[in-house]
PDB file of N, CA and C in Angstrom:
ATOM      1  N   UNK A   1     -27.431-133.645  92.461  1.00  0.00           N
ATOM      2  CA  UNK A   1     -26.948-133.150  93.742  1.00  0.00           C
ATOM      3  C   UNK A   1     -27.912-133.612  94.833  1.00  0.00           C
ATOM      4  N   UNK A   2     -27.415-134.271  95.846  1.00  0.00           N
ATOM      5  CA  UNK A   2     -28.280-134.679  96.950  1.00  0.00           C
ATOM      6  C   UNK A   2     -28.866-133.470  97.664  1.00  0.00           C
ATOM      7  N   UNK A   3     -30.112-133.602  98.113  1.00  0.00           N
ATOM      8  CA  UNK A   3     -30.809-132.494  98.769  1.00  0.00           C
ATOM      9  C   UNK A   3     -30.103-132.037 100.041  1.00  0.00           C
ATOM     10  N   UNK A   4     -29.365-132.937 100.700  1.00  0.00           N
ATOM     11  CA  UNK A   4     -28.740-132.576 101.979  1.00  0.00           C
ATOM     12  C   UNK A   4     -27.320-132.029 101.807  1.00  0.00           C
ATOM     13  N   UNK A   5     -26.842-131.885 100.581  1.00  0.00           N
ATOM     14  CA  UNK A   5     -25.506-131.354 100.338  1.00  0.00           C
ATOM     15  C   UNK A   5     -25.471-129.861 100.624  1.00  0.00           C
ATOM     16  N   UNK A   6     -24.512-129.442 101.439  1.00  0.00           N
ATOM     17  CA  UNK A   6     -24.363-128.030 101.764  1.00  0.00           C
ATOM     18  C   UNK A   6     -23.560-127.365 100.649  1.00  0.00           C
ATOM     19  N   UNK A   7     -24.096-126.293 100.113  1.00  0.00           N
ATOM     20  CA  UNK A   7     -23.448-125.561  99.031  1.00  0.00           C
ATOM     21  C   UNK A   7     -22.666-124.386  99.597  1.00  0.00           C
ATOM     22  N   UNK A   8     -21.559-124.010  98.954  1.00  0.00           N
ATOM     23  CA  UNK A   8     -20.801-122.846  99.439  1.00  0.00           C
ATOM     24  C   UNK A   8     -21.521-121.539  99.112  1.00  0.00           C
ATOM     25  N   UNK A   9     -21.475-120.623 100.057  1.00  0.00           N
ATOM     26  CA  UNK A   9     -22.048-119.284  99.889  1.00  0.00           C
ATOM     27  C   UNK A   9     -20.953-118.277 100.225  1.00  0.00           C
ATOM     28  N   UNK A  10     -20.791-117.239  99.417  1.00  0.00           N
ATOM     29  CA  UNK A  10     -19.741-116.263  99.730  1.00  0.00           C
ATOM     30  C   UNK A  10     -20.080-115.461 100.984  1.00  0.00           C
ATOM     31  N   UNK A  11     -19.043-115.087 101.697  1.00  0.00           N
ATOM     32  CA  UNK A  11     -19.218-114.158 102.809  1.00  0.00           C
ATOM     33  C   UNK A  11     -19.656-112.828 102.212  1.00  0.00           C
ATOM     34  N   UNK A  12     -20.475-112.075 102.923  1.00  0.00           N
ATOM     35  CA  UNK A  12     -20.987-110.820 102.374  1.00  0.00           C
ATOM     36  C   UNK A  12     -19.842-109.843 102.080  1.00  0.00           C
ATOM     37  N   UNK A  13     -18.753-109.921 102.815  1.00  0.00           N
ATOM     38  CA  UNK A  13     -17.600-109.046 102.559  1.00  0.00           C
ATOM     39  C   UNK A  13     -16.963-109.342 101.200  1.00  0.00           C
ATOM     40  N   UNK A  14     -17.183-110.559 100.682  1.00  0.00           N
ATOM     41  CA  UNK A  14     -16.621-110.948  99.390  1.00  0.00           C
ATOM     42  C   UNK A  14     -17.584-110.723  98.227  1.00  0.00           C
ATOM     43  N   UNK A  15     -18.799-110.287  98.529  1.00  0.00           N
ATOM     44  CA  UNK A  15     -19.807-110.043  97.500  1.00  0.00           C
ATOM     45  C   UNK A  15     -19.537-108.672  96.877  1.00  0.00           C
ATOM     46  N   UNK A  16     -19.497-108.629  95.542  1.00  0.00           N
ATOM     47  CA  UNK A  16     -19.212-107.370  94.852  1.00  0.00           C
ATOM     48  C   UNK A  16     -20.471-106.800  94.216  1.00  0.00           C
ATOM     49  N   UNK A  17     -20.504-105.502  94.089  1.00  0.00           N
ATOM     50  CA  UNK A  17     -21.628-104.842  93.443  1.00  0.00           C
ATOM     51  C   UNK A  17     -21.763-105.309  91.993  1.00  0.00           C
ATOM     52  N   UNK A  18     -20.650-105.419  91.291  1.00  0.00           N
ATOM     53  CA  UNK A  18     -20.719-105.855  89.889  1.00  0.00           C
ATOM     54  C   UNK A  18     -21.237-107.285  89.780  1.00  0.00           C
ATOM     55  N   UNK A  19     -20.860-108.135  90.713  1.00  0.00           N
ATOM     56  CA  UNK A  19     -21.361-109.517  90.708  1.00  0.00           C
ATOM     57  C   UNK A  19     -22.858-109.577  90.952  1.00  0.00           C
ATOM     58  N   UNK A  20     -23.339-108.782  91.887  1.00  0.00           N
ATOM     59  CA  UNK A  20     -24.775-108.737  92.192  1.00  0.00           C
ATOM     60  C   UNK A  20     -25.540-108.176  90.997  1.00  0.00           C
ATOM     61  N   UNK A  21     -25.035-107.098  90.432  1.00  0.00           N
ATOM     62  CA  UNK A  21     -25.713-106.490  89.273  1.00  0.00           C
ATOM     63  C   UNK A  21     -25.749-107.457  88.087  1.00  0.00           C
ATOM     64  N   UNK A  22     -24.654-108.194  87.863  1.00  0.00           N
ATOM     65  CA  UNK A  22     -24.656-109.183  86.790  1.00  0.00           C
ATOM     66  C   UNK A  22     -25.718-110.245  87.056  1.00  0.00           C
ATOM     67  N   UNK A  23     -25.774-110.742  88.277  1.00  0.00           N
ATOM     68  CA  UNK A  23     -26.752-111.784  88.624  1.00  0.00           C
ATOM     69  C   UNK A  23     -28.178-111.290  88.426  1.00  0.00           C
ATOM     70  N   UNK A  24     -28.417-110.024  88.710  1.00  0.00           N
ATOM     71  CA  UNK A  24     -29.765-109.455  88.581  1.00  0.00           C
ATOM     72  C   UNK A  24     -30.093-108.995  87.161  1.00  0.00           C
ATOM     73  N   UNK A  25     -29.117-109.046  86.261  1.00  0.00           N
ATOM     74  CA  UNK A  25     -29.331-108.533  84.906  1.00  0.00           C
ATOM     75  C   UNK A  25     -30.123-109.473  84.005  1.00  0.00           C
ATOM     76  N   UNK A  26     -30.240-110.726  84.381  1.00  0.00           N
ATOM     77  CA  UNK A  26     -30.975-111.697  83.575  1.00  0.00           C
ATOM     78  C   UNK A  26     -32.436-111.737  84.019  1.00  0.00           C
ATOM     79  N   UNK A  27     -33.396-111.628  83.087  1.00  0.00           N
ATOM     80  CA  UNK A  27     -34.811-111.605  83.471  1.00  0.00           C
ATOM     81  C   UNK A  27     -35.265-112.836  84.263  1.00  0.00           C
ATOM     82  N   UNK A  28     -34.755-114.002  83.943  1.00  0.00           N
ATOM     83  CA  UNK A  28     -35.164-115.206  84.672  1.00  0.00           C
ATOM     84  C   UNK A  28     -34.623-115.199  86.101  1.00  0.00           C
ATOM     85  N   UNK A  29     -33.380-114.747  86.264  1.00  0.00           N
ATOM     86  CA  UNK A  29     -32.820-114.657  87.621  1.00  0.00           C
ATOM     87  C   UNK A  29     -33.532-113.569  88.413  1.00  0.00           C
ATOM     88  N   UNK A  30     -33.845-112.473  87.761  1.00  0.00           N
ATOM     89  CA  UNK A  30     -34.571-111.395  88.432  1.00  0.00           C
ATOM     90  C   UNK A  30     -35.947-111.875  88.885  1.00  0.00           C
ATOM     91  N   UNK A  31     -36.588-112.712  88.086  1.00  0.00           N
ATOM     92  CA  UNK A  31     -37.892-113.261  88.477  1.00  0.00           C
ATOM     93  C   UNK A  31     -37.769-114.116  89.736  1.00  0.00           C
ATOM     94  N   UNK A  32     -36.702-114.882  89.837  1.00  0.00           N
ATOM     95  CA  UNK A  32     -36.479-115.693  91.038  1.00  0.00           C
ATOM     96  C   UNK A  32     -36.334-114.779  92.250  1.00  0.00           C
ATOM     97  N   UNK A  33     -35.582-113.697  92.106  1.00  0.00           N
ATOM     98  CA  UNK A  33     -35.405-112.744  93.211  1.00  0.00           C
ATOM     99  C   UNK A  33     -36.750-112.126  93.585  1.00  0.00           C
ATOM    100  N   UNK A  34     -37.561-111.783  92.588  1.00  0.00           N
ATOM    101  CA  UNK A  34     -38.911-111.259  92.866  1.00  0.00           C
ATOM    102  C   UNK A  34     -39.727-112.287  93.641  1.00  0.00           C
ATOM    103  N   UNK A  35     -39.635-113.548  93.214  1.00  0.00           N
ATOM    104  CA  UNK A  35     -40.376-114.618  93.896  1.00  0.00           C
ATOM    105  C   UNK A  35     -39.961-114.731  95.363  1.00  0.00           C
ATOM    106  N   UNK A  36     -38.682-114.470  95.642  1.00  0.00           N
ATOM    107  CA  UNK A  36     -38.145-114.621  96.999  1.00  0.00           C
ATOM    108  C   UNK A  36     -38.292-113.367  97.854  1.00  0.00           C
ATOM    109  N   UNK A  37     -38.724-112.265  97.254  1.00  0.00           N
ATOM    110  CA  UNK A  37     -38.808-110.993  97.983  1.00  0.00           C
ATOM    111  C   UNK A  37     -39.741-111.070  99.190  1.00  0.00           C
ATOM    112  N   UNK A  38     -40.757-111.917  99.131  1.00  0.00           N
ATOM    113  CA  UNK A  38     -41.710-112.026 100.243  1.00  0.00           C
ATOM    114  C   UNK A  38     -41.320-113.085 101.260  1.00  0.00           C
ATOM    115  N   UNK A  39     -40.248-113.804 101.000  1.00  0.00           N
ATOM    116  CA  UNK A  39     -39.792-114.806 101.960  1.00  0.00           C
ATOM    117  C   UNK A  39     -39.258-116.044 101.267  1.00  0.00           C
ATOM    118  N   UNK A  40     -38.621-116.920 102.046  1.00  0.00           N
ATOM    119  CA  UNK A  40     -38.015-118.125 101.486  1.00  0.00           C
ATOM    120  C   UNK A  40     -39.045-119.043 100.826  1.00  0.00           C
ATOM    121  N   UNK A  41     -38.559-119.800  99.856  1.00  0.00           N
ATOM    122  CA  UNK A  41     -39.385-120.793  99.163  1.00  0.00           C
ATOM    123  C   UNK A  41     -38.591-122.075  99.007  1.00  0.00           C
ATOM    124  N   UNK A  42     -39.296-123.179  98.879  1.00  0.00           N
ATOM    125  CA  UNK A  42     -38.614-124.411  98.525  1.00  0.00           C
ATOM    126  C   UNK A  42     -38.164-124.274  97.085  1.00  0.00           C
ATOM    127  N   UNK A  43     -37.069-124.907  96.750  1.00  0.00           N
ATOM    128  CA  UNK A  43     -36.492-124.795  95.413  1.00  0.00           C
ATOM    129  C   UNK A  43     -37.549-125.044  94.337  1.00  0.00           C
ATOM    130  N   UNK A  44     -38.410-126.021  94.533  1.00  0.00           N
ATOM    131  CA  UNK A  44     -39.418-126.371  93.537  1.00  0.00           C
ATOM    132  C   UNK A  44     -40.411-125.234  93.305  1.00  0.00           C
ATOM    133  N   UNK A  45     -40.596-124.352  94.289  1.00  0.00           N
ATOM    134  CA  UNK A  45     -41.557-123.248  94.162  1.00  0.00           C
ATOM    135  C   UNK A  45     -40.968-122.028  93.466  1.00  0.00           C
ATOM    136  N   UNK A  46     -39.643-121.907  93.437  1.00  0.00           N
ATOM    137  CA  UNK A  46     -39.014-120.749  92.814  1.00  0.00           C
ATOM    138  C   UNK A  46     -39.212-120.810  91.309  1.00  0.00           C
ATOM    139  N   UNK A  47     -39.529-119.680  90.736  1.00  0.00           N
ATOM    140  CA  UNK A  47     -39.768-119.646  89.307  1.00  0.00           C
ATOM    141  C   UNK A  47     -41.086-120.277  88.929  1.00  0.00           C
ATOM    142  N   UNK A  48     -42.023-120.285  89.878  1.00  0.00           N
ATOM    143  CA  UNK A  48     -43.324-120.907  89.628  1.00  0.00           C
ATOM    144  C   UNK A  48     -44.060-120.229  88.486  1.00  0.00           C
ATOM    145  N   UNK A  49     -43.665-119.000  88.164  1.00  0.00           N
ATOM    146  CA  UNK A  49     -44.313-118.305  87.057  1.00  0.00           C
ATOM    147  C   UNK A  49     -43.912-118.911  85.720  1.00  0.00           C
ATOM    148  N   UNK A  50     -42.870-119.731  85.704  1.00  0.00           N
ATOM    149  CA  UNK A  50     -42.429-120.377  84.473  1.00  0.00           C
ATOM    150  C   UNK A  50     -42.183-121.860  84.739  1.00  0.00           C
ATOM    151  N   UNK A  51     -43.246-122.650  84.889  1.00  0.00           N
ATOM    152  CA  UNK A  51     -43.076-124.066  85.207  1.00  0.00           C
ATOM    153  C   UNK A  51     -42.432-124.863  84.077  1.00  0.00           C
ATOM    154  N   UNK A  52     -42.362-124.294  82.874  1.00  0.00           N
ATOM    155  CA  UNK A  52     -41.749-124.998  81.745  1.00  0.00           C
ATOM    156  C   UNK A  52     -40.222-124.897  81.753  1.00  0.00           C
ATOM    157  N   UNK A  53     -39.677-124.129  82.678  1.00  0.00           N
ATOM    158  CA  UNK A  53     -38.231-123.948  82.757  1.00  0.00           C
ATOM    159  C   UNK A  53     -37.561-125.285  83.064  1.00  0.00           C
ATOM    160  N   UNK A  54     -36.633-125.744  82.213  1.00  0.00           N
ATOM    161  CA  UNK A  54     -35.954-127.023  82.476  1.00  0.00           C
ATOM    162  C   UNK A  54     -35.211-126.985  83.810  1.00  0.00           C
ATOM    163  N   UNK A  55     -35.149-128.130  84.460  1.00  0.00           N
ATOM    164  CA  UNK A  55     -34.501-128.230  85.770  1.00  0.00           C
ATOM    165  C   UNK A  55     -33.033-127.799  85.694  1.00  0.00           C
ATOM    166  N   UNK A  56     -32.341-128.173  84.619  1.00  0.00           N
ATOM    167  CA  UNK A  56     -30.931-127.807  84.484  1.00  0.00           C
ATOM    168  C   UNK A  56     -30.755-126.295  84.365  1.00  0.00           C
ATOM    169  N   UNK A  57     -31.662-125.636  83.663  1.00  0.00           N
ATOM    170  CA  UNK A  57     -31.602-124.182  83.521  1.00  0.00           C
ATOM    171  C   UNK A  57     -31.871-123.517  84.863  1.00  0.00           C
ATOM    172  N   UNK A  58     -32.867-124.025  85.561  1.00  0.00           N
ATOM    173  CA  UNK A  58     -33.208-123.480  86.884  1.00  0.00           C
ATOM    174  C   UNK A  58     -32.034-123.633  87.849  1.00  0.00           C
ATOM    175  N   UNK A  59     -31.379-124.781  87.815  1.00  0.00           N
ATOM    176  CA  UNK A  59     -30.208-125.010  88.678  1.00  0.00           C
ATOM    177  C   UNK A  59     -29.098-124.022  88.362  1.00  0.00           C
ATOM    178  N   UNK A  60     -28.883-123.768  87.072  1.00  0.00           N
ATOM    179  CA  UNK A  60     -27.842-122.812  86.684  1.00  0.00           C
ATOM    180  C   UNK A  60     -28.195-121.394  87.151  1.00  0.00           C
ATOM    181  N   UNK A  61     -29.446-121.008  86.990  1.00  0.00           N
ATOM    182  CA  UNK A  61     -29.880-119.682  87.440  1.00  0.00           C
ATOM    183  C   UNK A  61     -29.649-119.524  88.939  1.00  0.00           C
ATOM    184  N   UNK A  62     -30.001-120.564  89.700  1.00  0.00           N
ATOM    185  CA  UNK A  62     -29.813-120.541  91.158  1.00  0.00           C
ATOM    186  C   UNK A  62     -28.334-120.467  91.516  1.00  0.00           C
ATOM    187  N   UNK A  63     -27.512-121.197  90.768  1.00  0.00           N
ATOM    188  CA  UNK A  63     -26.074-121.199  91.036  1.00  0.00           C
ATOM    189  C   UNK A  63     -25.490-119.801  90.843  1.00  0.00           C
ATOM    190  N   UNK A  64     -25.866-119.129  89.766  1.00  0.00           N
ATOM    191  CA  UNK A  64     -25.357-117.779  89.513  1.00  0.00           C
ATOM    192  C   UNK A  64     -25.770-116.841  90.642  1.00  0.00           C
ATOM    193  N   UNK A  65     -27.027-116.908  91.057  1.00  0.00           N
ATOM    194  CA  UNK A  65     -27.508-116.059  92.153  1.00  0.00           C
ATOM    195  C   UNK A  65     -26.802-116.375  93.468  1.00  0.00           C
ATOM    196  N   UNK A  66     -26.601-117.662  93.738  1.00  0.00           N
ATOM    197  CA  UNK A  66     -25.923-118.074  94.986  1.00  0.00           C
ATOM    198  C   UNK A  66     -24.475-117.620  94.988  1.00  0.00           C
ATOM    199  N   UNK A  67     -23.761-117.864  93.891  1.00  0.00           N
ATOM    200  CA  UNK A  67     -22.342-117.503  93.825  1.00  0.00           C
ATOM    201  C   UNK A  67     -22.123-115.995  93.850  1.00  0.00           C
ATOM    202  N   UNK A  68     -23.117-115.232  93.394  1.00  0.00           N
ATOM    203  CA  UNK A  68     -23.023-113.765  93.449  1.00  0.00           C
ATOM    204  C   UNK A  68     -23.358-113.235  94.845  1.00  0.00           C
ATOM    205  N   UNK A  69     -23.890-114.099  95.712  1.00  0.00           N
ATOM    206  CA  UNK A  69     -24.234-113.683  97.072  1.00  0.00           C
ATOM    207  C   UNK A  69     -25.637-113.132  97.213  1.00  0.00           C
ATOM    208  N   UNK A  70     -26.487-113.357  96.211  1.00  0.00           N
ATOM    209  CA  UNK A  70     -27.842-112.808  96.245  1.00  0.00           C
ATOM    210  C   UNK A  70     -28.800-113.710  97.022  1.00  0.00           C
ATOM    211  N   UNK A  71     -28.600-115.022  96.948  1.00  0.00           N
ATOM    212  CA  UNK A  71     -29.498-115.963  97.621  1.00  0.00           C
ATOM    213  C   UNK A  71     -28.711-116.958  98.462  1.00  0.00           C
ATOM    214  N   UNK A  72     -29.435-117.603  99.351  1.00  0.00           N
ATOM    215  CA  UNK A  72     -28.939-118.778 100.080  1.00  0.00           C
ATOM    216  C   UNK A  72     -29.753-119.964  99.588  1.00  0.00           C
ATOM    217  N   UNK A  73     -29.103-121.095  99.424  1.00  0.00           N
ATOM    218  CA  UNK A  73     -29.748-122.320  98.976  1.00  0.00           C
ATOM    219  C   UNK A  73     -29.275-123.407  99.927  1.00  0.00           C
ATOM    220  N   UNK A  74     -30.132-123.753 100.898  1.00  0.00           N
ATOM    221  CA  UNK A  74     -29.704-124.634 101.982  1.00  0.00           C
ATOM    222  C   UNK A  74     -30.611-125.851 102.107  1.00  0.00           C
ATOM    223  N   UNK A  75     -30.006-126.972 102.529  1.00  0.00           N
ATOM    224  CA  UNK A  75     -30.814-128.178 102.692  1.00  0.00           C
ATOM    225  C   UNK A  75     -31.853-128.020 103.794  1.00  0.00           C
ATOM    226  N   UNK A  76     -33.016-128.620 103.542  1.00  0.00           N
ATOM    227  CA  UNK A  76     -34.093-128.644 104.538  1.00  0.00           C
ATOM    228  C   UNK A  76     -34.799-129.976 104.366  1.00  0.00           C
ATOM    229  N   UNK A  77     -34.329-130.952 105.093  1.00  0.00           N
ATOM    230  CA  UNK A  77     -34.860-132.303 104.915  1.00  0.00           C
ATOM    231  C   UNK A  77     -34.512-132.801 103.529  1.00  0.00           C
ATOM    232  N   UNK A  78     -35.520-133.269 102.796  1.00  0.00           N
ATOM    233  CA  UNK A  78     -35.290-133.767 101.443  1.00  0.00           C
ATOM    234  C   UNK A  78     -35.389-132.666 100.385  1.00  0.00           C
ATOM    235  N   UNK A  79     -35.709-131.470 100.817  1.00  0.00           N
ATOM    236  CA  UNK A  79     -35.877-130.338  99.906  1.00  0.00           C
ATOM    237  C   UNK A  79     -34.731-129.348 100.106  1.00  0.00           C
ATOM    238  N   UNK A  80     -34.760-128.281  99.333  1.00  0.00           N
ATOM    239  CA  UNK A  80     -33.807-127.188  99.490  1.00  0.00           C
ATOM    240  C   UNK A  80     -34.612-125.906  99.686  1.00  0.00           C
ATOM    241  N   UNK A  81     -34.224-125.130 100.691  1.00  0.00           N
ATOM    242  CA  UNK A  81     -34.878-123.861 100.980  1.00  0.00           C
ATOM    243  C   UNK A  81     -34.023-122.737 100.385  1.00  0.00           C
ATOM    244  N   UNK A  82     -34.647-121.918  99.570  1.00  0.00           N
ATOM    245  CA  UNK A  82     -33.952-120.815  98.914  1.00  0.00           C
ATOM    246  C   UNK A  82     -34.461-119.512  99.510  1.00  0.00           C
ATOM    247  N   UNK A  83     -33.533-118.647  99.896  1.00  0.00           N
ATOM    248  CA  UNK A  83     -33.926-117.368 100.486  1.00  0.00           C
ATOM    249  C   UNK A  83     -33.056-116.243  99.945  1.00  0.00           C
ATOM    250  N   UNK A  84     -33.624-115.072  99.923  1.00  0.00           N
ATOM    251  CA  UNK A  84     -32.932-113.869  99.497  1.00  0.00           C
ATOM    252  C   UNK A  84     -32.083-113.376 100.664  1.00  0.00           C
ATOM    253  N   UNK A  85     -30.853-113.007 100.405  1.00  0.00           N
ATOM    254  CA  UNK A  85     -29.968-112.502 101.460  1.00  0.00           C
ATOM    255  C   UNK A  85     -30.222-110.998 101.643  1.00  0.00           C
ATOM    256  N   UNK A  86     -31.468-110.665 101.841  1.00  0.00           N
ATOM    257  CA  UNK A  86     -31.928-109.268 101.838  1.00  0.00           C
ATOM    258  C   UNK A  86     -31.217-108.408 102.872  1.00  0.00           C
ATOM    259  N   UNK A  87     -31.216-108.847 104.110  1.00  0.00           N
ATOM    260  CA  UNK A  87     -30.625-108.023 105.177  1.00  0.00           C
ATOM    261  C   UNK A  87     -29.138-107.770 104.910  1.00  0.00           C
ATOM    262  N   UNK A  88     -28.424-108.821 104.525  1.00  0.00           N
ATOM    263  CA  UNK A  88     -26.998-108.677 104.254  1.00  0.00           C
ATOM    264  C   UNK A  88     -26.745-107.755 103.052  1.00  0.00           C
ATOM    265  N   UNK A  89     -27.538-107.938 101.990  1.00  0.00           N
ATOM    266  CA  UNK A  89     -27.379-107.106 100.798  1.00  0.00           C
ATOM    267  C   UNK A  89     -27.770-105.661 101.077  1.00  0.00           C
ATOM    268  N   UNK A  90     -28.809-105.454 101.886  1.00  0.00           N
ATOM    269  CA  UNK A  90     -29.217-104.089 102.236  1.00  0.00           C
ATOM    270  C   UNK A  90     -28.130-103.374 103.042  1.00  0.00           C
ATOM    271  N   UNK A  91     -27.411-104.126 103.866  1.00  0.00           N
ATOM    272  CA  UNK A  91     -26.312-103.547 104.634  1.00  0.00           C
ATOM    273  C   UNK A  91     -25.128-103.215 103.722  1.00  0.00           C
ATOM    274  N   UNK A  92     -24.808-104.144 102.820  1.00  0.00           N
ATOM    275  CA  UNK A  92     -23.659-103.947 101.930  1.00  0.00           C
ATOM    276  C   UNK A  92     -23.933-102.914 100.842  1.00  0.00           C
ATOM    277  N   UNK A  93     -25.154-102.931 100.303  1.00  0.00           N
ATOM    278  CA  UNK A  93     -25.514-102.050  99.185  1.00  0.00           C
ATOM    279  C   UNK A  93     -26.885-101.428  99.467  1.00  0.00           C
ATOM    280  N   UNK A  94     -26.933-100.428 100.360  1.00  0.00           N
ATOM    281  CA  UNK A  94     -28.208 -99.846 100.778  1.00  0.00           C
ATOM    282  C   UNK A  94     -29.068 -99.385  99.591  1.00  0.00           C
ATOM    283  N   UNK A  95     -30.324 -99.823  99.594  1.00  0.00           N
ATOM    284  CA  UNK A  95     -31.282 -99.395  98.588  1.00  0.00           C
ATOM    285  C   UNK A  95     -31.232-100.145  97.266  1.00  0.00           C
ATOM    286  N   UNK A  96     -30.211-100.960  97.052  1.00  0.00           N
ATOM    287  CA  UNK A  96     -30.066-101.639  95.762  1.00  0.00           C
ATOM    288  C   UNK A  96     -31.243-102.557  95.456  1.00  0.00           C
ATOM    289  N   UNK A  97     -31.553-103.463  96.375  1.00  0.00           N
ATOM    290  CA  UNK A  97     -32.652-104.401  96.109  1.00  0.00           C
ATOM    291  C   UNK A  97     -33.983-103.681  95.968  1.00  0.00           C
ATOM    292  N   UNK A  98     -34.231-102.695  96.804  1.00  0.00           N
ATOM    293  CA  UNK A  98     -35.476-101.936  96.690  1.00  0.00           C
ATOM    294  C   UNK A  98     -35.589-101.298  95.311  1.00  0.00           C
ATOM    295  N   UNK A  99     -34.511-100.709  94.835  1.00  0.00           N
ATOM    296  CA  UNK A  99     -34.518-100.066  93.523  1.00  0.00           C
ATOM    297  C   UNK A  99     -34.733-101.071  92.410  1.00  0.00           C
ATOM    298  N   UNK A 100     -34.020-102.187  92.462  1.00  0.00           N
ATOM    299  CA  UNK A 100     -34.135-103.204  91.419  1.00  0.00           C
ATOM    300  C   UNK A 100     -35.533-103.799  91.408  1.00  0.00           C
ATOM    301  N   UNK A 101     -36.052-104.131  92.581  1.00  0.00           N
ATOM    302  CA  UNK A 101     -37.382-104.738  92.648  1.00  0.00           C
ATOM    303  C   UNK A 101     -38.477-103.749  92.237  1.00  0.00           C
ATOM    304  N   UNK A 102     -38.314-102.491  92.595  1.00  0.00           N
ATOM    305  CA  UNK A 102     -39.307-101.479  92.208  1.00  0.00           C
ATOM    306  C   UNK A 102     -39.312-101.261  90.701  1.00  0.00           C
ATOM    307  N   UNK A 103     -38.153-101.278  90.092  1.00  0.00           N
ATOM    308  CA  UNK A 103     -38.084-101.050  88.642  1.00  0.00           C
ATOM    309  C   UNK A 103     -38.466-102.281  87.849  1.00  0.00           C
ATOM    310  N   UNK A 104     -38.485-103.410  88.490  1.00  0.00           N
ATOM    311  CA  UNK A 104     -38.786-104.670  87.793  1.00  0.00           C
ATOM    312  C   UNK A 104     -40.271-104.848  87.544  1.00  0.00           C
ATOM    313  N   UNK A 105     -41.108-104.068  88.186  1.00  0.00           N
ATOM    314  CA  UNK A 105     -42.561-104.248  88.040  1.00  0.00           C
ATOM    315  C   UNK A 105     -43.114-103.458  86.905  1.00  0.00           C
TER     316      UNK A 105
END
């Protein structure tokens, strides 16, 4: 996938609680969300706690999170910037991310 390709992101009105919970149910995806809790990262920096993760697996994890509406994955020059859709998710599902992130530690 070219770095400048724009990926589809669901509108927050189309994001479901069950979809978000499914996306957060996998430990590797949850780690990515933890990594993004402090702010956006370049795609290469996400999952830095597991550098042995194959690129194809990492791409799939990101796709599940993006399609569930948990993250944004947008082109930034030759790289991709990944960010948590925190404000939107907090509005749609108040307290959910705080609870998930607090219990994940």
